[in-house]
PDB file of all heavy atoms in Angstrom:
ATOM      1  N   PRO A   1    -138.034 138.282-220.866  1.00  0.00           N
ATOM      2  CA  PRO A   1    -138.008 136.937-221.053  1.00  0.00           C
ATOM      3  C   PRO A   1    -137.915 136.191-219.689  1.00  0.00           C
ATOM      4  O   PRO A   1    -137.258 136.769-218.827  1.00  0.00           O
ATOM      5  CB  PRO A   1    -136.762 136.603-221.999  1.00  0.00           C
ATOM      6  CG  PRO A   1    -136.469 137.774-222.673  1.00  0.00           C
ATOM      7  CD  PRO A   1    -136.880 138.955-221.718  1.00  0.00           C
ATOM      8  N   ALA A   2    -138.587 135.148-219.524  1.00  0.00           N
ATOM      9  CA  ALA A   2    -138.606 134.504-218.236  1.00  0.00           C
ATOM     10  C   ALA A   2    -138.747 132.929-218.383  1.00  0.00           C
ATOM     11  O   ALA A   2    -139.155 132.385-219.496  1.00  0.00           O
ATOM     12  CB  ALA A   2    -139.836 134.920-217.362  1.00  0.00           C
ATOM     13  N   LEU A   3    -138.214 132.159-217.412  1.00  0.00           N
ATOM     14  CA  LEU A   3    -138.363 130.761-217.364  1.00  0.00           C
ATOM     15  C   LEU A   3    -139.604 130.428-216.528  1.00  0.00           C
ATOM     16  O   LEU A   3    -139.704 130.833-215.366  1.00  0.00           O
ATOM     17  CB  LEU A   3    -137.154 130.247-216.668  1.00  0.00           C
ATOM     18  CG  LEU A   3    -137.072 128.645-216.509  1.00  0.00           C
ATOM     19  CD1 LEU A   3    -137.083 128.002-217.888  1.00  0.00           C
ATOM     20  CD2 LEU A   3    -135.853 128.303-215.759  1.00  0.00           C
ATOM     21  N   VAL A   4    -140.511 129.643-217.128  1.00  0.00           N
ATOM     22  CA  VAL A   4    -141.742 129.210-216.370  1.00  0.00           C
ATOM     23  C   VAL A   4    -141.309 128.103-215.463  1.00  0.00           C
ATOM     24  O   VAL A   4    -140.871 127.029-215.860  1.00  0.00           O
ATOM     25  CB  VAL A   4    -142.786 128.783-217.251  1.00  0.00           C
ATOM     26  CG1 VAL A   4    -144.081 128.279-216.639  1.00  0.00           C
ATOM     27  CG2 VAL A   4    -143.192 129.791-218.319  1.00  0.00           C
ATOM     28  N   LEU A   5    -141.395 128.383-214.140  1.00  0.00           N
ATOM     29  CA  LEU A   5    -141.090 127.464-213.184  1.00  0.00           C
ATOM     30  C   LEU A   5    -142.311 126.513-212.810  1.00  0.00           C
ATOM     31  O   LEU A   5    -142.263 125.308-212.507  1.00  0.00           O
ATOM     32  CB  LEU A   5    -140.613 128.079-211.848  1.00  0.00           C
ATOM     33  CG  LEU A   5    -139.299 128.892-212.045  1.00  0.00           C
ATOM     34  CD1 LEU A   5    -138.973 129.582-210.717  1.00  0.00           C
ATOM     35  CD2 LEU A   5    -138.148 128.001-212.442  1.00  0.00           C
ATOM     36  N   LEU A   6    -143.512 127.126-212.686  1.00  0.00           N
ATOM     37  CA  LEU A   6    -144.700 126.537-212.411  1.00  0.00           C
ATOM     38  C   LEU A   6    -145.787 127.131-213.106  1.00  0.00           C
ATOM     39  O   LEU A   6    -146.081 128.339-212.986  1.00  0.00           O
ATOM     40  CB  LEU A   6    -144.945 126.546-210.802  1.00  0.00           C
ATOM     41  CG  LEU A   6    -146.250 126.014-210.281  1.00  0.00           C
ATOM     42  CD1 LEU A   6    -146.222 124.472-210.513  1.00  0.00           C
ATOM     43  CD2 LEU A   6    -146.341 126.302-208.773  1.00  0.00           C
ATOM     44  N   ASP A   7    -146.571 126.350-213.903  1.00  0.00           N
ATOM     45  CA  ASP A   7    -147.762 126.850-214.548  1.00  0.00           C
ATOM     46  C   ASP A   7    -148.946 126.672-213.629  1.00  0.00           C
ATOM     47  O   ASP A   7    -149.378 125.525-213.509  1.00  0.00           O
ATOM     48  CB  ASP A   7    -147.957 126.201-215.886  1.00  0.00           C
ATOM     49  CG  ASP A   7    -149.098 126.614-216.721  1.00  0.00           C
ATOM     50  OD1 ASP A   7    -149.863 127.442-216.162  1.00  0.00           O
ATOM     51  OD2 ASP A   7    -149.230 126.326-217.899  1.00  0.00           O
ATOM     52  N   LEU A   8    -149.465 127.668-212.959  1.00  0.00           N
ATOM     53  CA  LEU A   8    -150.492 127.548-212.077  1.00  0.00           C
ATOM     54  C   LEU A   8    -151.827 127.074-212.699  1.00  0.00           C
ATOM     55  O   LEU A   8    -152.641 126.545-211.969  1.00  0.00           O
ATOM     56  CB  LEU A   8    -150.718 128.804-211.381  1.00  0.00           C
ATOM     57  CG  LEU A   8    -149.488 129.194-210.422  1.00  0.00           C
ATOM     58  CD1 LEU A   8    -149.729 130.635-209.835  1.00  0.00           C
ATOM     59  CD2 LEU A   8    -149.283 128.223-209.326  1.00  0.00           C
ATOM     60  N   ASP A   9    -152.045 127.175-214.033  1.00  0.00           N
ATOM     61  CA  ASP A   9    -153.124 126.639-214.553  1.00  0.00           C
ATOM     62  C   ASP A   9    -153.299 125.107-214.661  1.00  0.00           C
ATOM     63  O   ASP A   9    -154.263 124.488-214.825  1.00  0.00           O
ATOM     64  CB  ASP A   9    -153.252 127.055-216.043  1.00  0.00           C
ATOM     65  CG  ASP A   9    -153.597 128.691-216.142  1.00  0.00           C
ATOM     66  OD1 ASP A   9    -154.210 129.137-215.205  1.00  0.00           O
ATOM     67  OD2 ASP A   9    -153.258 129.246-217.140  1.00  0.00           O
ATOM     68  N   GLN A  10    -152.006 124.475-214.310  1.00  0.00           N
ATOM     69  CA  GLN A  10    -152.020 123.029-214.457  1.00  0.00           C
ATOM     70  C   GLN A  10    -151.995 122.395-213.041  1.00  0.00           C
ATOM     71  O   GLN A  10    -152.027 121.200-212.919  1.00  0.00           O
ATOM     72  CB  GLN A  10    -150.774 122.596-215.200  1.00  0.00           C
ATOM     73  CG  GLN A  10    -150.661 122.966-216.613  1.00  0.00           C
ATOM     74  CD  GLN A  10    -149.392 122.465-217.434  1.00  0.00           C
ATOM     75  OE1 GLN A  10    -148.545 121.893-216.785  1.00  0.00           O
ATOM     76  NE2 GLN A  10    -149.447 122.785-218.637  1.00  0.00           N
ATOM     77  N   VAL A  11    -152.011 123.286-212.033  1.00  0.00           N
ATOM     78  CA  VAL A  11    -152.050 122.812-210.654  1.00  0.00           C
ATOM     79  C   VAL A  11    -153.411 122.425-210.322  1.00  0.00           C
ATOM     80  O   VAL A  11    -154.465 123.229-210.438  1.00  0.00           O
ATOM     81  CB  VAL A  11    -151.534 123.843-209.731  1.00  0.00           C
ATOM     82  CG1 VAL A  11    -151.652 123.414-208.210  1.00  0.00           C
ATOM     83  CG2 VAL A  11    -149.983 124.171-210.023  1.00  0.00           C
ATOM     84  N   GLN A  12    -153.622 121.161-209.729  1.00  0.00           N
ATOM     85  CA  GLN A  12    -155.028 120.725-209.372  1.00  0.00           C
ATOM     86  C   GLN A  12    -155.373 121.027-207.949  1.00  0.00           C
ATOM     87  O   GLN A  12    -156.549 121.000-207.639  1.00  0.00           O
ATOM     88  CB  GLN A  12    -155.136 119.235-209.673  1.00  0.00           C
ATOM     89  CG  GLN A  12    -154.794 118.928-211.102  1.00  0.00           C
ATOM     90  CD  GLN A  12    -154.951 117.397-211.415  1.00  0.00           C
ATOM     91  OE1 GLN A  12    -155.157 116.573-210.482  1.00  0.00           O
ATOM     92  NE2 GLN A  12    -154.720 117.018-212.588  1.00  0.00           N
ATOM     93  N   GLN A  13    -154.491 121.357-207.122  1.00  0.00           N
ATOM     94  CA  GLN A  13    -154.683 121.598-205.715  1.00  0.00           C
ATOM     95  C   GLN A  13    -155.328 123.090-205.575  1.00  0.00           C
ATOM     96  O   GLN A  13    -155.045 123.882-206.400  1.00  0.00           O
ATOM     97  CB  GLN A  13    -153.485 121.587-204.844  1.00  0.00           C
ATOM     98  CG  GLN A  13    -152.991 120.082-204.579  1.00  0.00           C
ATOM     99  CD  GLN A  13    -152.246 119.548-205.880  1.00  0.00           C
ATOM    100  OE1 GLN A  13    -151.901 120.297-206.766  1.00  0.00           O
ATOM    101  NE2 GLN A  13    -152.101 118.305-205.870  1.00  0.00           N
ATOM    102  N   PRO A  14    -156.124 123.171-204.499  1.00  0.00           N
ATOM    103  CA  PRO A  14    -156.667 124.544-204.194  1.00  0.00           C
ATOM    104  C   PRO A  14    -155.536 125.633-204.091  1.00  0.00           C
ATOM    105  O   PRO A  14    -154.477 125.312-203.583  1.00  0.00           O
ATOM    106  CB  PRO A  14    -157.464 124.414-202.987  1.00  0.00           C
ATOM    107  CG  PRO A  14    -157.796 122.956-202.903  1.00  0.00           C
ATOM    108  CD  PRO A  14    -156.563 122.279-203.525  1.00  0.00           C
ATOM    109  N   ALA A  15    -155.770 126.771-204.374  1.00  0.00           N
ATOM    110  CA  ALA A  15    -154.824 127.897-204.458  1.00  0.00           C
ATOM    111  C   ALA A  15    -154.229 128.139-202.994  1.00  0.00           C
ATOM    112  O   ALA A  15    -153.067 128.283-202.904  1.00  0.00           O
ATOM    113  CB  ALA A  15    -155.388 129.162-204.940  1.00  0.00           C
ATOM    114  N   ASP A  16    -155.054 128.000-201.937  1.00  0.00           N
ATOM    115  CA  ASP A  16    -154.611 128.247-200.664  1.00  0.00           C
ATOM    116  C   ASP A  16    -153.541 127.021-200.206  1.00  0.00           C
ATOM    117  O   ASP A  16    -152.650 127.458-199.516  1.00  0.00           O
ATOM    118  CB  ASP A  16    -155.665 128.300-199.616  1.00  0.00           C
ATOM    119  CG  ASP A  16    -156.622 127.033-199.564  1.00  0.00           C
ATOM    120  OD1 ASP A  16    -156.583 126.418-200.496  1.00  0.00           O
ATOM    121  OD2 ASP A  16    -157.207 126.912-198.423  1.00  0.00           O
ATOM    122  N   GLU A  17    -153.783 125.915-200.745  1.00  0.00           N
ATOM    123  CA  GLU A  17    -152.857 124.845-200.435  1.00  0.00           C
ATOM    124  C   GLU A  17    -151.471 124.973-201.084  1.00  0.00           C
ATOM    125  O   GLU A  17    -150.353 124.790-200.627  1.00  0.00           O
ATOM    126  CB  GLU A  17    -153.419 123.490-200.861  1.00  0.00           C
ATOM    127  CG  GLU A  17    -154.462 122.952-199.930  1.00  0.00           C
ATOM    128  CD  GLU A  17    -154.947 121.488-200.437  1.00  0.00           C
ATOM    129  OE1 GLU A  17    -154.125 120.774-201.018  1.00  0.00           O
ATOM    130  OE2 GLU A  17    -156.083 121.185-200.021  1.00  0.00           O
ATOM    131  N   VAL A  18    -151.596 125.560-202.330  1.00  0.00           N
ATOM    132  CA  VAL A  18    -150.314 125.823-203.119  1.00  0.00           C
ATOM    133  C   VAL A  18    -149.559 126.946-202.438  1.00  0.00           C
ATOM    134  O   VAL A  18    -148.378 126.917-202.274  1.00  0.00           O
ATOM    135  CB  VAL A  18    -150.620 126.187-204.541  1.00  0.00           C
ATOM    136  CG1 VAL A  18    -149.433 126.646-205.284  1.00  0.00           C
ATOM    137  CG2 VAL A  18    -151.333 125.027-205.246  1.00  0.00           C
ATOM    138  N   ALA A  19    -150.218 127.992-201.999  1.00  0.00           N
ATOM    139  CA  ALA A  19    -149.682 129.093-201.333  1.00  0.00           C
ATOM    140  C   ALA A  19    -148.905 128.719-200.070  1.00  0.00           C
ATOM    141  O   ALA A  19    -147.854 129.079-199.792  1.00  0.00           O
ATOM    142  CB  ALA A  19    -150.697 130.218-201.057  1.00  0.00           C
ATOM    143  N   ASP A  20    -149.656 127.783-199.258  1.00  0.00           N
ATOM    144  CA  ASP A  20    -149.041 127.298-198.026  1.00  0.00           C
ATOM    145  C   ASP A  20    -147.784 126.497-198.393  1.00  0.00           C
ATOM    146  O   ASP A  20    -146.816 126.676-197.591  1.00  0.00           O
ATOM    147  CB  ASP A  20    -150.182 126.455-197.246  1.00  0.00           C
ATOM    148  CG  ASP A  20    -151.235 127.180-196.666  1.00  0.00           C
ATOM    149  OD1 ASP A  20    -151.097 128.466-196.488  1.00  0.00           O
ATOM    150  OD2 ASP A  20    -152.167 126.649-196.298  1.00  0.00           O
ATOM    151  N   ALA A  21    -147.978 125.682-199.353  1.00  0.00           N
ATOM    152  CA  ALA A  21    -146.754 124.806-199.591  1.00  0.00           C
ATOM    153  C   ALA A  21    -145.528 125.571-200.069  1.00  0.00           C
ATOM    154  O   ALA A  21    -144.323 125.390-199.775  1.00  0.00           O
ATOM    155  CB  ALA A  21    -147.061 123.724-200.736  1.00  0.00           C
ATOM    156  N   LEU A  22    -145.762 126.708-200.973  1.00  0.00           N
ATOM    157  CA  LEU A  22    -144.730 127.440-201.386  1.00  0.00           C
ATOM    158  C   LEU A  22    -144.076 128.359-200.252  1.00  0.00           C
ATOM    159  O   LEU A  22    -142.851 128.560-200.083  1.00  0.00           O
ATOM    160  CB  LEU A  22    -145.202 128.581-202.468  1.00  0.00           C
ATOM    161  CG  LEU A  22    -145.548 127.878-203.821  1.00  0.00           C
ATOM    162  CD1 LEU A  22    -146.280 128.852-204.708  1.00  0.00           C
ATOM    163  CD2 LEU A  22    -144.308 127.326-204.445  1.00  0.00           C
ATOM    164  N   ALA A  23    -144.951 128.843-199.249  1.00  0.00           N
ATOM    165  CA  ALA A  23    -144.477 129.575-198.138  1.00  0.00           C
ATOM    166  C   ALA A  23    -143.549 128.622-197.268  1.00  0.00           C
ATOM    167  O   ALA A  23    -142.524 129.048-196.770  1.00  0.00           O
ATOM    168  CB  ALA A  23    -145.657 130.029-197.332  1.00  0.00           C
ATOM    169  N   ARG A  24    -144.045 127.387-196.992  1.00  0.00           N
ATOM    170  CA  ARG A  24    -143.242 126.452-196.157  1.00  0.00           C
ATOM    171  C   ARG A  24    -141.848 126.233-196.905  1.00  0.00           C
ATOM    172  O   ARG A  24    -140.870 126.177-196.286  1.00  0.00           O
ATOM    173  CB  ARG A  24    -144.045 125.162-196.086  1.00  0.00           C
ATOM    174  CG  ARG A  24    -145.093 125.242-195.012  1.00  0.00           C
ATOM    175  CD  ARG A  24    -145.581 123.875-194.580  1.00  0.00           C
ATOM    176  NE  ARG A  24    -145.896 122.990-195.691  1.00  0.00           N
ATOM    177  CZ  ARG A  24    -147.160 122.987-196.286  1.00  0.00           C
ATOM    178  NH1 ARG A  24    -148.128 123.830-195.919  1.00  0.00           N
ATOM    179  NH2 ARG A  24    -147.372 122.247-197.364  1.00  0.00           N
ATOM    180  N   SER A  25    -141.934 125.936-198.262  1.00  0.00           N
ATOM    181  CA  SER A  25    -140.688 125.692-199.000  1.00  0.00           C
ATOM    182  C   SER A  25    -139.719 126.908-198.919  1.00  0.00           C
ATOM    183  O   SER A  25    -138.523 126.739-198.628  1.00  0.00           O
ATOM    184  CB  SER A  25    -141.069 125.465-200.491  1.00  0.00           C
ATOM    185  OG  SER A  25    -139.860 125.409-201.173  1.00  0.00           O
ATOM    186  N   GLY A  26    -140.260 128.053-198.965  1.00  0.00           N
ATOM    187  CA  GLY A  26    -139.448 129.322-198.789  1.00  0.00           C
ATOM    188  C   GLY A  26    -138.826 129.440-197.460  1.00  0.00           C
ATOM    189  O   GLY A  26    -137.660 129.877-197.326  1.00  0.00           O
ATOM    190  N   GLN A  27    -139.641 129.129-196.439  1.00  0.00           N
ATOM    191  CA  GLN A  27    -139.069 129.188-195.124  1.00  0.00           C
ATOM    192  C   GLN A  27    -138.017 128.171-194.848  1.00  0.00           C
ATOM    193  O   GLN A  27    -136.957 128.477-194.171  1.00  0.00           O
ATOM    194  CB  GLN A  27    -140.245 128.936-194.096  1.00  0.00           C
ATOM    195  CG  GLN A  27    -141.272 130.152-194.119  1.00  0.00           C
ATOM    196  CD  GLN A  27    -142.487 129.733-193.217  1.00  0.00           C
ATOM    197  OE1 GLN A  27    -142.711 128.573-192.849  1.00  0.00           O
ATOM    198  NE2 GLN A  27    -143.235 130.765-193.037  1.00  0.00           N
ATOM    199  N   ALA A  28    -138.198 126.975-195.420  1.00  0.00           N
ATOM    200  CA  ALA A  28    -137.176 125.968-195.241  1.00  0.00           C
ATOM    201  C   ALA A  28    -135.849 126.311-195.968  1.00  0.00           C
ATOM    202  O   ALA A  28    -134.807 126.169-195.380  1.00  0.00           O
ATOM    203  CB  ALA A  28    -137.695 124.616-195.701  1.00  0.00           C
ATOM    204  N   ALA A  29    -136.012 126.917-197.207  1.00  0.00           N
ATOM    205  CA  ALA A  29    -134.833 127.381-197.926  1.00  0.00           C
ATOM    206  C   ALA A  29    -134.163 128.482-197.207  1.00  0.00           C
ATOM    207  O   ALA A  29    -132.847 128.448-197.069  1.00  0.00           O
ATOM    208  CB  ALA A  29    -135.277 127.758-199.300  1.00  0.00           C
ATOM    209  N   SER A  30    -134.845 129.325-196.521  1.00  0.00           N
ATOM    210  CA  SER A  30    -134.070 130.486-195.848  1.00  0.00           C
ATOM    211  C   SER A  30    -133.399 129.952-194.559  1.00  0.00           C
ATOM    212  O   SER A  30    -132.328 130.426-194.194  1.00  0.00           O
ATOM    213  CB  SER A  30    -135.143 131.540-195.463  1.00  0.00           C
ATOM    214  OG  SER A  30    -136.054 131.109-194.598  1.00  0.00           O
ATOM    215  N   ARG A  31    -133.918 128.912-193.977  1.00  0.00           N
ATOM    216  CA  ARG A  31    -133.300 128.310-192.813  1.00  0.00           C
ATOM    217  C   ARG A  31    -131.914 127.683-193.237  1.00  0.00           C
ATOM    218  O   ARG A  31    -130.997 127.654-192.572  1.00  0.00           O
ATOM    219  CB  ARG A  31    -134.206 127.421-192.091  1.00  0.00           C
ATOM    220  CG  ARG A  31    -135.187 128.110-191.262  1.00  0.00           C
ATOM    221  CD  ARG A  31    -135.887 127.076-190.297  1.00  0.00           C
ATOM    222  NE  ARG A  31    -136.576 126.019-191.015  1.00  0.00           N
ATOM    223  CZ  ARG A  31    -137.847 125.958-191.340  1.00  0.00           C
ATOM    224  NH1 ARG A  31    -138.539 127.015-191.083  1.00  0.00           N
ATOM    225  NH2 ARG A  31    -138.385 124.960-191.982  1.00  0.00           N
TER     226      ARG A  31
END
């Protein structure tokens, strides 16, 4: 069982933009 955090089928932005945003968010969280 899992908690759905983000349904990628509902995201309207291009996949590369989503990937970049998630990477930036992860970097900020680790700092």
